[in-house]
Each structure stands twice: as C-alpha cells, then as structure tokens.
Amino acid sequence: MTILVTGATGTVGRHIVSHLVEAGHAVRALTRNPGKASFPEGVEVVGGDLAATDTLQAAFEGVTAVHLINFGGDDYAPLPNGKEIVDLARKAGVRRVTVLGGWDESTLEPALRDSDLAWTHIRPTEFMSNLLKWADDVRAEGVVREPFGEATTALVHEADIAAVAATALVEDGHGGKVYPLTGPERLTTRDKVRIIGAAIGKEIEFVELTPEQARERMAAQGMPQELIDFMIEVFGNVPEEANRVNSVVLDVTGHAPRTFAQWAAENADSFR
C-alpha cells in the first residue's frame, strides 16, 4: 500500500517518512516545495498545499493511508478545508488517517469524526525539538533567557511522536483513538537548561525573564501577538492534563519513550 505523509519536511513528518521507509512501506511525501525536499531513496515526492484542496488530487490517488497535520501555510493557521480533505480521502479509497494536532482543533478533526475513516488523533505535549530555539544564544553567549523557570512539562521526542503515527498508519486497532503523548519525565525549564549543558559539557546560565520581558523579547523576534499570548498562557499555567506522564508511546510502539537527555545528546552540536 502507498502511504501519503503531509507535512513531510516538518519536524515530525520527516521522522514518519523514515519510519515507514525503514519498515518497507511505499511512501509518498507531500510538500509545497518539492525541489527543495530531501528524502530517503524510493520516496515519491509530490507538490501540493494542504490548505488548498484543489492541489491535492494527484497526491491522494492510489493512497490507502494518510498522515495529516491540522494546520497549513507559513503562519500555521488551522486548516479551513477539513471536510474537503476528508471527502477527497474517502473518494480516493483511504482507510486509515492519522492527524497531528494540539489541543485546539481545526475543521479537520470534526470532519474525521463524522466520517467512516479509521482516524487516530496524535496529540503530543511540548516537542523536545522546540528547544532548538535556544541554540543561537547558547552558542553565542552560553545563556538561556526564558520566563517561568519552574514551569514543568513532560516534553516528548519528535521521533516518538512519529513512531506512534507510523504504527497507527499500518496497524489495525487505532481507529477512533486520541493519543496524548508525553515523554518519560516531567522537567522544569531550569532542568532542561541543565541537561543541555551536561550534553555539551558546559554550564549554561539561565536568566529568568518576567512575563513582560518575555513578551517584549518575542515581539522583537517577530512572533505574532496571538502566539505570544498563547506561549505566556501555556507556560505560565502549564496544563496538567497534557503534562501528566503516560505510557502511550510504550503501549502503541512497544518501545519506551526517549528521555530529554537522549535528545540533548543527539542535538548537542546545535548548541556548541
């Protein structure tokens, strides 16, 4: 069977492609810029924009399973065309669908719930890869500047997110399931800084910003106001449900979730 992966050049998407290829599956990767995409040998690359349904017909032809994301465009806006995508998938003969999204839904999730497709909602907490945003300051100054030093999350490795999605795309028994994904431990912001420091063999200074200082810093970096408000709200009041350590990664994949220390060691060169 051919499996379509949308968002294939993204943080999670590229891992899903690799998981499926290594398991011997035929993979078609959707990207808005096919000429700039780099994938393992044998992956079929097609152009298309998930937010523009009329660009997706060829991508869905002959596909039996598809991984979707619930946002599109450079601004990560929620998909407005979820029903059209689901209709296209059904007409193409798709049987299994995974959708990667947060706690806020787009038009895609309700359209899937109303369909006869075997859908699985992958809903991770904080991505470990999000902390690559610290790399420039760590390399240049040996410092991390963030608010909420005691904010505690159970951040999850992007490869574990991908492994859950890849499993649900090829195995029965995951239809109609919502999978909240966490890593194996809860860590504060200070813990994360310390662990990255250990991975690079250098102590990193942590400078705790006030929420207002953090707002000003994010605005100066060009972050939209809506995203700034979201970041301050989430990390100022960390959602307990999303960060309660669970066993979903292990239960679905058979492998324990990777620790943040493993991620830091894998990405140490980015911080040196």
Protein backbone atom coordinates (compact mmCIF):
# COMPACT_ATOMS: atom_id res chain seq x y z
CA MET A 1 0.00 0.00 0.00
CA THR A 2 1.06 3.60 -0.56
CA ILE A 3 1.04 5.91 2.45
CA LEU A 4 0.81 9.67 1.99
CA VAL A 5 2.64 11.84 4.51
CA THR A 6 1.72 15.51 4.57
CA GLY A 7 3.92 18.00 6.37
CA ALA A 8 6.66 15.60 5.25
CA THR A 9 9.53 18.07 5.58
CA GLY A 10 8.50 19.10 9.08
CA THR A 11 9.95 18.12 12.43
CA VAL A 12 7.68 15.09 12.85
CA GLY A 13 6.86 14.42 9.21
CA ARG A 14 10.41 13.62 8.18
CA HIS A 15 10.64 11.06 11.00
CA ILE A 16 7.35 9.46 9.91
CA VAL A 17 8.72 9.11 6.37
CA SER A 18 11.89 7.47 7.69
CA HIS A 19 9.97 5.09 9.97
CA LEU A 20 7.74 3.93 7.13
CA VAL A 21 10.56 3.56 4.61
CA GLU A 22 12.66 1.54 7.07
CA ALA A 23 9.66 -0.74 7.61
CA GLY A 24 9.42 -1.36 3.85
CA HIS A 25 6.34 0.70 3.02
CA ALA A 26 5.79 2.75 -0.14
CA VAL A 27 5.73 6.41 0.85
CA ARG A 28 4.50 9.49 -0.97
CA ALA A 29 5.64 12.78 0.59
CA LEU A 30 3.63 15.96 0.13
CA THR A 31 5.46 19.28 0.23
CA ARG A 32 4.84 22.78 -1.06
CA ASN A 33 8.41 22.92 -2.38
CA PRO A 34 9.30 19.57 -4.00
CA GLY A 35 12.53 20.94 -5.48
CA LYS A 36 13.93 21.72 -2.04
CA ALA A 37 12.87 18.46 -0.35
CA SER A 38 15.34 15.71 0.54
CA PHE A 39 14.04 12.25 1.43
CA PRO A 40 15.34 8.68 1.62
CA GLU A 41 15.72 6.84 -1.68
CA GLY A 42 12.46 5.48 -3.03
CA VAL A 43 10.18 8.13 -1.55
CA GLU A 44 7.82 9.63 -4.13
CA VAL A 45 7.72 13.42 -3.75
CA VAL A 46 4.64 15.36 -4.87
CA GLY A 47 3.82 19.05 -4.71
CA GLY A 48 0.72 20.42 -3.08
CA ASP A 49 -0.66 22.70 -0.39
CA LEU A 50 -2.77 21.04 2.30
CA ALA A 51 -4.74 24.26 2.75
CA ALA A 52 -5.67 24.29 -0.97
CA THR A 53 -7.75 21.20 -1.70
CA ASP A 54 -7.56 21.63 -5.48
CA THR A 55 -3.79 20.95 -5.35
CA LEU A 56 -4.19 17.56 -3.63
CA GLN A 57 -5.95 15.32 -6.16
CA ALA A 58 -2.79 13.70 -7.53
CA ALA A 59 -1.30 13.25 -4.07
CA PHE A 60 -4.26 11.14 -2.91
CA GLU A 61 -4.51 8.87 -5.95
CA GLY A 62 -3.90 5.24 -5.02
CA VAL A 63 -3.28 6.02 -1.35
CA THR A 64 -4.64 3.71 1.36
CA ALA A 65 -3.41 5.61 4.43
CA VAL A 66 -2.52 9.23 5.07
CA HIS A 67 -0.86 11.28 7.78
CA LEU A 68 -2.33 14.77 8.08
CA ILE A 69 -1.49 17.88 10.06
CA ASN A 70 -4.26 20.21 11.17
CA PHE A 71 -2.60 23.45 10.05
CA GLY A 72 -1.17 24.89 6.86
CA GLY A 73 0.86 27.74 5.46
CA ASP A 74 3.79 29.63 6.87
CA ASP A 75 1.61 31.06 9.64
CA TYR A 76 0.49 27.61 10.90
CA ALA A 77 -3.14 28.66 10.56
CA PRO A 78 -5.77 26.00 11.38
CA LEU A 79 -6.97 24.25 8.23
CA PRO A 80 -10.22 25.74 6.92
CA ASN A 81 -10.89 22.89 4.47
CA GLY A 82 -11.05 19.82 6.67
CA LYS A 83 -14.32 18.49 5.21
CA GLU A 84 -12.99 18.81 1.66
CA ILE A 85 -9.82 16.89 2.58
CA VAL A 86 -11.83 14.13 4.25
CA ASP A 87 -14.14 13.87 1.21
CA LEU A 88 -11.09 13.61 -1.05
CA ALA A 89 -9.56 10.90 1.13
CA ARG A 90 -12.77 8.84 1.12
CA LYS A 91 -13.15 9.07 -2.66
CA ALA A 92 -9.52 8.00 -3.09
CA GLY A 93 -10.08 4.85 -1.04
CA VAL A 94 -8.10 5.87 2.03
CA ARG A 95 -8.77 3.61 5.02
CA ARG A 96 -6.54 4.89 7.82
CA VAL A 97 -5.79 8.50 8.78
CA THR A 98 -3.58 9.97 11.47
CA VAL A 99 -3.81 13.66 12.28
CA LEU A 100 -1.18 15.56 14.24
CA GLY A 101 -2.62 18.44 16.19
CA GLY A 102 -2.65 20.15 19.53
CA TRP A 103 -5.49 20.74 21.94
CA ASP A 104 -7.11 23.33 19.65
CA GLU A 105 -8.87 21.76 16.68
CA SER A 106 -9.16 22.89 13.08
CA THR A 107 -12.01 21.91 10.74
CA LEU A 108 -10.23 18.61 10.12
CA GLU A 109 -10.86 16.77 13.39
CA PRO A 110 -14.67 17.10 13.46
CA ALA A 111 -14.84 16.15 9.78
CA LEU A 112 -12.86 12.97 10.52
CA ARG A 113 -15.07 12.11 13.49
CA ASP A 114 -18.13 12.43 11.27
CA SER A 115 -16.61 10.14 8.63
CA ASP A 116 -16.28 6.36 8.31
CA LEU A 117 -12.47 6.56 8.15
CA ALA A 118 -10.31 4.87 10.79
CA TRP A 119 -8.80 8.07 12.21
CA THR A 120 -6.27 8.48 15.01
CA HIS A 121 -5.61 11.86 16.64
CA ILE A 122 -1.97 12.28 17.70
CA ARG A 123 -1.86 14.95 20.39
CA PRO A 124 1.62 15.49 21.86
CA THR A 125 2.67 17.81 24.64
CA GLU A 126 5.75 20.05 24.21
CA PHE A 127 8.14 18.89 21.46
CA MET A 128 11.74 18.45 22.59
CA SER A 129 12.79 19.99 19.28
CA ASN A 130 11.14 23.27 20.28
CA LEU A 131 14.18 23.92 22.48
CA LEU A 132 16.40 24.33 19.45
CA LYS A 133 15.20 27.94 19.71
CA TRP A 134 17.79 28.31 22.50
CA ALA A 135 20.70 27.20 20.32
CA ASP A 136 21.81 30.61 18.99
CA ASP A 137 22.05 32.19 22.45
CA VAL A 138 23.75 29.13 23.93
CA ARG A 139 26.37 29.10 21.19
CA ALA A 140 26.96 32.85 21.26
CA GLU A 141 26.69 33.64 24.98
CA GLY A 142 26.22 30.41 26.93
CA VAL A 143 22.86 31.64 28.20
CA VAL A 144 19.14 30.86 28.03
CA ARG A 145 16.64 33.65 28.69
CA GLU A 146 13.12 32.48 29.46
CA PRO A 147 10.27 33.19 31.86
CA PHE A 148 8.78 30.63 34.25
CA GLY A 149 11.88 28.77 35.39
CA GLU A 150 9.78 26.31 37.39
CA ALA A 151 7.27 25.61 34.61
CA THR A 152 7.17 21.82 34.32
CA THR A 153 6.36 19.81 31.18
CA ALA A 154 6.64 16.17 30.09
CA LEU A 155 8.13 17.04 26.71
CA VAL A 156 8.25 14.33 24.06
CA HIS A 157 10.83 13.40 21.42
CA GLU A 158 9.69 14.11 17.86
CA ALA A 159 10.80 10.63 16.77
CA ASP A 160 8.45 9.09 19.34
CA ILE A 161 5.57 11.15 18.01
CA ALA A 162 6.41 9.88 14.55
CA ALA A 163 6.67 6.27 15.72
CA VAL A 164 3.15 6.40 17.15
CA ALA A 165 1.77 7.91 13.94
CA ALA A 166 3.60 5.40 11.74
CA THR A 167 2.27 2.50 13.82
CA ALA A 168 -1.32 3.75 13.59
CA LEU A 169 -0.98 4.11 9.81
CA VAL A 170 -0.06 0.47 9.24
CA GLU A 171 -1.77 -1.47 12.05
CA ASP A 172 -5.40 -2.08 12.91
CA GLY A 173 -6.82 -1.21 16.30
CA HIS A 174 -6.06 2.50 16.44
CA GLY A 175 -9.17 3.87 14.73
CA GLY A 176 -11.19 6.34 16.77
CA LYS A 177 -8.38 6.76 19.32
CA VAL A 178 -6.97 10.01 20.70
CA TYR A 179 -3.36 9.59 21.77
CA PRO A 180 -1.97 12.24 24.15
CA LEU A 181 1.80 11.78 24.01
CA THR A 182 4.36 12.59 26.70
CA GLY A 183 7.96 11.76 27.36
CA PRO A 184 9.00 9.66 30.37
CA GLU A 185 9.56 12.52 32.85
CA ARG A 186 8.44 15.98 33.91
CA LEU A 187 11.14 18.63 33.76
CA THR A 188 11.28 22.29 34.71
CA THR A 189 12.73 24.92 32.39
CA ARG A 190 15.81 25.01 34.63
CA ASP A 191 16.14 21.21 34.36
CA LYS A 192 16.11 21.41 30.57
CA VAL A 193 18.85 24.04 30.55
CA ARG A 194 20.95 21.95 32.93
CA ILE A 195 20.56 18.80 30.82
CA ILE A 196 21.59 20.57 27.62
CA GLY A 197 24.60 21.95 29.47
CA ALA A 198 25.58 18.44 30.53
CA ALA A 199 25.27 17.24 26.93
CA ILE A 200 27.66 19.88 25.63
CA GLY A 201 29.99 19.74 28.62
CA LYS A 202 29.47 23.37 29.58
CA GLU A 203 27.35 25.07 32.23
CA ILE A 204 24.66 27.24 30.68
CA GLU A 205 23.45 30.33 32.53
CA PHE A 206 19.70 30.61 33.00
CA VAL A 207 18.29 34.15 33.12
CA GLU A 208 14.66 34.20 34.20
CA LEU A 209 12.63 36.87 32.43
CA THR A 210 9.47 38.45 33.73
CA PRO A 211 6.40 37.73 31.60
CA GLU A 212 6.54 41.30 30.29
CA GLN A 213 10.20 40.98 29.35
CA ALA A 214 9.38 37.72 27.60
CA ARG A 215 6.57 39.39 25.65
CA GLU A 216 8.92 42.15 24.52
CA ARG A 217 11.60 39.65 23.50
CA MET A 218 9.19 37.51 21.47
CA ALA A 219 7.69 40.57 19.78
CA ALA A 220 11.18 41.76 18.82
CA GLN A 221 11.80 38.33 17.26
CA GLY A 222 8.76 38.85 15.03
CA MET A 223 6.43 36.44 16.80
CA PRO A 224 2.72 37.21 16.18
CA GLN A 225 0.77 38.55 19.14
CA GLU A 226 -1.62 35.59 19.18
CA LEU A 227 1.29 33.18 19.55
CA ILE A 228 2.93 35.34 22.23
CA ASP A 229 -0.29 35.31 24.26
CA PHE A 230 -0.52 31.53 23.84
CA MET A 231 3.06 30.92 24.97
CA ILE A 232 2.70 33.11 28.06
CA GLU A 233 -0.59 31.47 29.00
CA VAL A 234 0.58 27.88 28.46
CA PHE A 235 3.92 28.15 30.26
CA GLY A 236 2.58 30.47 32.93
CA ASN A 237 -0.18 27.97 33.66
CA VAL A 238 1.09 24.64 32.40
CA PRO A 239 -1.88 22.36 31.56
CA GLU A 240 -1.79 19.45 33.99
CA GLU A 241 -3.64 17.02 31.73
CA ALA A 242 -1.27 17.49 28.82
CA ASN A 243 1.79 17.02 31.01
CA ARG A 244 0.85 14.08 33.17
CA VAL A 245 3.35 11.35 32.21
CA ASN A 246 1.62 8.47 30.45
CA SER A 247 2.56 5.18 28.77
CA VAL A 248 1.00 5.80 25.35
CA VAL A 249 4.29 5.75 23.40
CA LEU A 250 5.24 2.43 25.00
CA ASP A 251 1.75 0.95 24.65
CA VAL A 252 1.48 1.80 20.93
CA THR A 253 5.03 1.22 19.72
CA GLY A 254 6.40 -1.30 22.22
CA HIS A 255 9.35 0.99 22.91
CA ALA A 256 9.87 3.25 25.91
CA PRO A 257 9.84 6.98 25.08
CA ARG A 258 13.21 8.67 24.69
CA THR A 259 14.46 10.88 27.52
CA PHE A 260 15.34 14.53 27.17
CA ALA A 261 18.95 13.62 27.97
CA GLN A 262 18.94 11.38 24.88
CA TRP A 263 17.55 14.20 22.75
CA ALA A 264 20.13 16.66 24.13
CA ALA A 265 22.97 14.26 23.31
CA GLU A 266 21.63 13.75 19.78
CA ASN A 267 21.40 17.50 19.21
CA ALA A 268 24.45 18.66 21.19
CA ASP A 269 26.24 20.01 18.11
CA SER A 270 23.43 22.51 17.57
CA PHE A 271 24.27 24.10 20.93
CA ARG A 272 28.09 24.05 20.68
